[in-house]
């Protein structure tokens, strides 16, 4: 009878089975993730680059001189931080001392 109960307990003992289950789950994630990254990786990379550039407008900023401020040009120019100018004099002052 003792042998029967020992065999029954051993049959339903789940110690160690969880490690195998974790290994199978990790393997399945790898099988799915590697081809997924190969297919969608370049598109995700482009999305991250575009988002970073949209959040950092200073990359698109170009220096200018006082002549660019003349004849209403000051209305289209901005400081390096992105703020516009209220008048031509402020634009010229900024162009001379950035």
N, C-alpha and C. Protein backbone atom coordinates (compact mmCIF):
# COMPACT_ATOMS: atom_id res chain seq x y z
N UNK A 1 0.81 -1.18 0.00
CA UNK A 1 0.00 0.00 0.00
C UNK A 1 0.87 1.26 0.00
N UNK A 2 1.95 1.22 0.78
CA UNK A 2 2.89 2.34 0.83
C UNK A 2 3.45 2.62 -0.56
N UNK A 3 3.75 1.59 -1.28
CA UNK A 3 4.30 1.72 -2.63
C UNK A 3 3.29 2.39 -3.55
N UNK A 4 2.03 2.06 -3.41
CA UNK A 4 0.97 2.64 -4.24
C UNK A 4 0.89 4.15 -4.03
N UNK A 5 0.88 4.58 -2.75
CA UNK A 5 0.78 6.00 -2.46
C UNK A 5 2.02 6.76 -2.92
N UNK A 6 3.17 6.16 -2.79
CA UNK A 6 4.41 6.79 -3.27
C UNK A 6 4.37 6.97 -4.78
N UNK A 7 3.89 5.95 -5.48
CA UNK A 7 3.80 6.04 -6.94
C UNK A 7 2.77 7.08 -7.35
N UNK A 8 1.66 7.14 -6.63
CA UNK A 8 0.61 8.11 -6.93
C UNK A 8 1.11 9.55 -6.69
N UNK A 9 1.82 9.76 -5.57
CA UNK A 9 2.38 11.07 -5.30
C UNK A 9 3.42 11.47 -6.35
N UNK A 10 4.25 10.55 -6.75
CA UNK A 10 5.27 10.83 -7.76
C UNK A 10 4.63 11.15 -9.10
N UNK A 11 3.52 10.51 -9.37
CA UNK A 11 2.83 10.73 -10.66
C UNK A 11 2.29 12.16 -10.77
N UNK A 12 1.81 12.73 -9.68
CA UNK A 12 1.22 14.06 -9.71
C UNK A 12 2.12 15.14 -9.10
N UNK A 13 3.35 14.81 -8.83
CA UNK A 13 4.30 15.78 -8.30
C UNK A 13 4.69 16.74 -9.42
N UNK A 14 4.45 18.04 -9.22
CA UNK A 14 4.69 19.02 -10.28
C UNK A 14 5.96 19.83 -10.04
N UNK A 15 6.76 19.46 -9.09
CA UNK A 15 8.03 20.16 -8.92
C UNK A 15 8.91 19.92 -10.14
N UNK A 16 9.48 20.96 -10.66
CA UNK A 16 10.33 20.82 -11.85
C UNK A 16 9.57 21.03 -13.14
N UNK A 17 8.29 20.75 -13.13
CA UNK A 17 7.50 20.94 -14.34
C UNK A 17 7.40 22.43 -14.68
N UNK A 18 7.40 23.27 -13.67
CA UNK A 18 7.29 24.70 -13.94
C UNK A 18 8.52 25.21 -14.69
N UNK A 19 9.69 24.67 -14.40
CA UNK A 19 10.89 25.09 -15.11
C UNK A 19 10.78 24.73 -16.59
N UNK A 20 10.27 23.57 -16.88
CA UNK A 20 10.08 23.17 -18.27
C UNK A 20 9.05 24.08 -18.94
N UNK A 21 8.00 24.41 -18.22
CA UNK A 21 6.98 25.30 -18.78
C UNK A 21 7.57 26.68 -19.07
N UNK A 22 8.38 27.20 -18.15
CA UNK A 22 9.01 28.49 -18.39
C UNK A 22 9.92 28.44 -19.61
N UNK A 23 10.67 27.37 -19.75
CA UNK A 23 11.57 27.23 -20.90
C UNK A 23 10.77 27.19 -22.20
N UNK A 24 9.64 26.49 -22.20
CA UNK A 24 8.81 26.45 -23.40
C UNK A 24 8.23 27.82 -23.73
N UNK A 25 7.79 28.54 -22.73
CA UNK A 25 7.24 29.88 -22.96
C UNK A 25 8.31 30.81 -23.53
N UNK A 26 9.51 30.78 -22.96
CA UNK A 26 10.59 31.62 -23.46
C UNK A 26 10.95 31.24 -24.89
N UNK A 27 10.96 29.94 -25.16
CA UNK A 27 11.24 29.49 -26.53
C UNK A 27 10.19 29.97 -27.51
N UNK A 28 8.93 29.90 -27.14
CA UNK A 28 7.86 30.36 -28.03
C UNK A 28 7.92 31.87 -28.24
N UNK A 29 8.24 32.61 -27.20
CA UNK A 29 8.39 34.05 -27.36
C UNK A 29 9.52 34.36 -28.34
N UNK A 30 10.62 33.64 -28.23
CA UNK A 30 11.73 33.83 -29.16
C UNK A 30 11.35 33.49 -30.58
N UNK A 31 10.62 32.41 -30.75
CA UNK A 31 10.20 31.99 -32.09
C UNK A 31 9.29 33.04 -32.73
N UNK A 32 8.47 33.70 -31.93
CA UNK A 32 7.57 34.73 -32.45
C UNK A 32 8.29 36.07 -32.59
N UNK A 33 9.14 36.43 -31.63
CA UNK A 33 9.74 37.76 -31.60
C UNK A 33 10.80 37.96 -32.68
N UNK A 34 11.62 36.97 -32.94
CA UNK A 34 12.72 37.16 -33.89
C UNK A 34 12.20 37.46 -35.29
N UNK A 35 11.29 36.67 -35.85
CA UNK A 35 10.78 37.05 -37.18
C UNK A 35 9.96 38.34 -37.14
N UNK A 36 9.26 38.58 -36.04
CA UNK A 36 8.49 39.81 -35.93
C UNK A 36 9.37 41.04 -35.96
N UNK A 37 10.49 40.99 -35.26
CA UNK A 37 11.42 42.11 -35.28
C UNK A 37 12.08 42.26 -36.65
N UNK A 38 12.34 41.14 -37.30
CA UNK A 38 12.94 41.21 -38.64
C UNK A 38 11.99 41.88 -39.62
N UNK A 39 10.70 41.61 -39.48
CA UNK A 39 9.72 42.18 -40.40
C UNK A 39 9.39 43.63 -40.04
N UNK A 40 9.09 43.87 -38.76
CA UNK A 40 8.63 45.18 -38.34
C UNK A 40 9.73 46.09 -37.81
N UNK A 41 10.93 45.59 -37.63
CA UNK A 41 12.03 46.37 -37.06
C UNK A 41 12.34 47.65 -37.80
N UNK A 42 12.54 47.60 -39.13
CA UNK A 42 12.85 48.85 -39.85
C UNK A 42 11.74 49.89 -39.74
N UNK A 43 10.50 49.46 -39.80
CA UNK A 43 9.38 50.41 -39.68
C UNK A 43 9.35 51.03 -38.28
N UNK A 44 9.59 50.22 -37.25
CA UNK A 44 9.62 50.74 -35.88
C UNK A 44 10.77 51.73 -35.72
N UNK A 45 11.91 51.40 -36.30
CA UNK A 45 13.06 52.30 -36.23
C UNK A 45 12.73 53.65 -36.86
N UNK A 46 12.11 53.63 -38.03
CA UNK A 46 11.74 54.88 -38.70
C UNK A 46 10.74 55.68 -37.87
N UNK A 47 9.79 54.99 -37.23
CA UNK A 47 8.81 55.69 -36.39
C UNK A 47 9.49 56.37 -35.20
N UNK A 48 10.44 55.68 -34.56
CA UNK A 48 11.14 56.28 -33.43
C UNK A 48 11.98 57.48 -33.88
N UNK A 49 12.63 57.38 -35.01
CA UNK A 49 13.44 58.49 -35.51
C UNK A 49 12.55 59.69 -35.83
N UNK A 50 11.43 59.46 -36.50
CA UNK A 50 10.51 60.55 -36.83
C UNK A 50 9.95 61.21 -35.58
N UNK A 51 9.62 60.40 -34.57
CA UNK A 51 9.11 60.94 -33.31
C UNK A 51 10.16 61.79 -32.61
N UNK A 52 11.39 61.31 -32.59
CA UNK A 52 12.47 62.05 -31.94
C UNK A 52 12.71 63.38 -32.64
N UNK A 53 12.67 63.38 -33.95
CA UNK A 53 12.88 64.62 -34.68
C UNK A 53 11.72 65.60 -34.47
N UNK A 54 10.51 65.08 -34.34
CA UNK A 54 9.36 65.95 -34.10
C UNK A 54 9.42 66.58 -32.71
N UNK A 55 9.98 65.87 -31.74
CA UNK A 55 10.07 66.39 -30.38
C UNK A 55 11.25 67.34 -30.19
N UNK A 56 12.21 67.33 -31.09
CA UNK A 56 13.40 68.16 -30.96
C UNK A 56 13.51 69.10 -32.15
N UNK A 57 12.77 70.22 -32.14
CA UNK A 57 12.76 71.11 -33.30
C UNK A 57 14.08 71.85 -33.51
N UNK A 58 14.97 71.82 -32.53
CA UNK A 58 16.24 72.53 -32.68
C UNK A 58 17.10 71.94 -33.79
N UNK A 59 16.87 70.68 -34.16
CA UNK A 59 17.65 70.07 -35.23
C UNK A 59 17.39 70.74 -36.57
N UNK A 60 16.20 71.31 -36.75
CA UNK A 60 15.83 71.93 -38.02
C UNK A 60 16.18 73.41 -38.06
N UNK A 61 16.63 73.97 -36.96
CA UNK A 61 16.89 75.40 -36.88
C UNK A 61 18.15 75.74 -37.64
N UNK A 62 18.12 76.82 -38.39
CA UNK A 62 19.28 77.29 -39.13
C UNK A 62 19.61 78.71 -38.70
N UNK A 63 20.90 78.99 -38.59
CA UNK A 63 21.33 80.33 -38.22
C UNK A 63 20.99 81.32 -39.33
N UNK A 64 20.84 82.60 -38.96
CA UNK A 64 20.53 83.63 -39.94
C UNK A 64 21.27 84.91 -39.57
N UNK A 65 21.33 85.82 -40.50
CA UNK A 65 21.99 87.10 -40.22
C UNK A 65 20.96 88.23 -40.30
N UNK A 66 21.42 89.46 -40.05
CA UNK A 66 20.49 90.60 -39.97
C UNK A 66 19.78 90.86 -41.29
N UNK A 67 20.40 90.52 -42.42
CA UNK A 67 19.75 90.74 -43.71
C UNK A 67 18.50 89.87 -43.88
N UNK A 68 18.50 88.71 -43.23
CA UNK A 68 17.33 87.83 -43.31
C UNK A 68 16.13 88.42 -42.56
N UNK A 69 16.39 89.33 -41.63
CA UNK A 69 15.33 89.95 -40.85
C UNK A 69 14.63 91.09 -41.60
N UNK A 70 15.26 91.61 -42.63
CA UNK A 70 14.74 92.78 -43.35
C UNK A 70 13.52 92.43 -44.20
N UNK A 71 12.73 93.44 -44.53
CA UNK A 71 11.58 93.34 -45.44
C UNK A 71 10.57 92.28 -44.99
N UNK A 72 10.28 92.22 -43.71
CA UNK A 72 9.28 91.29 -43.19
C UNK A 72 9.79 89.88 -42.95
N UNK A 73 11.07 89.64 -43.22
CA UNK A 73 11.63 88.30 -43.00
C UNK A 73 11.60 87.87 -41.55
N UNK A 74 11.61 88.85 -40.63
CA UNK A 74 11.59 88.54 -39.20
C UNK A 74 10.34 87.77 -38.79
N UNK A 75 9.27 87.89 -39.57
CA UNK A 75 8.01 87.22 -39.23
C UNK A 75 8.10 85.70 -39.41
N UNK A 76 9.02 85.24 -40.26
CA UNK A 76 9.15 83.81 -40.52
C UNK A 76 10.30 83.17 -39.76
N UNK A 77 11.10 83.96 -39.06
CA UNK A 77 12.27 83.44 -38.36
C UNK A 77 11.96 83.19 -36.89
N UNK A 78 12.73 82.30 -36.29
CA UNK A 78 12.57 82.00 -34.86
C UNK A 78 13.93 81.95 -34.20
N UNK A 79 13.92 82.13 -32.88
CA UNK A 79 15.13 81.90 -32.09
C UNK A 79 15.41 80.41 -32.08
N UNK A 80 16.58 80.03 -31.59
CA UNK A 80 16.93 78.62 -31.56
C UNK A 80 15.98 77.82 -30.69
N UNK A 81 15.40 78.44 -29.68
CA UNK A 81 14.44 77.76 -28.82
C UNK A 81 13.07 77.60 -29.44
N UNK A 82 12.82 78.25 -30.59
CA UNK A 82 11.55 78.11 -31.27
C UNK A 82 10.63 79.31 -31.15
N UNK A 83 10.99 80.29 -30.32
CA UNK A 83 10.14 81.48 -30.15
C UNK A 83 10.32 82.43 -31.32
N UNK A 84 9.22 83.04 -31.75
CA UNK A 84 9.27 84.01 -32.84
C UNK A 84 9.66 85.39 -32.33
N UNK A 85 9.81 86.33 -33.26
CA UNK A 85 10.19 87.70 -32.91
C UNK A 85 8.96 88.60 -33.00
N UNK A 86 8.90 89.61 -32.12
CA UNK A 86 7.78 90.56 -32.13
C UNK A 86 7.96 91.67 -33.14
N UNK A 87 9.22 91.94 -33.50
CA UNK A 87 9.47 93.01 -34.47
C UNK A 87 10.84 92.80 -35.13
N UNK A 88 11.12 93.63 -36.11
CA UNK A 88 12.36 93.52 -36.89
C UNK A 88 13.58 93.82 -36.03
N UNK A 89 13.47 94.78 -35.12
CA UNK A 89 14.60 95.15 -34.26
C UNK A 89 15.06 94.00 -33.38
N UNK A 90 14.12 93.28 -32.79
CA UNK A 90 14.48 92.13 -31.96
C UNK A 90 15.16 91.04 -32.79
N UNK A 91 14.68 90.86 -34.00
CA UNK A 91 15.27 89.86 -34.90
C UNK A 91 16.72 90.23 -35.22
N UNK A 92 16.95 91.49 -35.57
CA UNK A 92 18.30 91.94 -35.90
C UNK A 92 19.21 91.84 -34.68
N UNK A 93 18.71 92.22 -33.53
CA UNK A 93 19.49 92.12 -32.30
C UNK A 93 19.89 90.67 -32.03
N UNK A 94 18.98 89.75 -32.21
CA UNK A 94 19.27 88.34 -32.00
C UNK A 94 20.27 87.83 -33.04
N UNK A 95 20.12 88.26 -34.29
CA UNK A 95 21.03 87.82 -35.35
C UNK A 95 22.45 88.29 -35.08
N UNK A 96 22.60 89.48 -34.51
CA UNK A 96 23.93 90.01 -34.21
C UNK A 96 24.55 89.37 -32.97
N UNK A 97 23.71 88.91 -32.04
CA UNK A 97 24.19 88.30 -30.78
C UNK A 97 23.40 87.04 -30.47
N UNK A 98 23.62 85.95 -31.19
CA UNK A 98 22.79 84.74 -30.97
C UNK A 98 23.01 84.09 -29.63
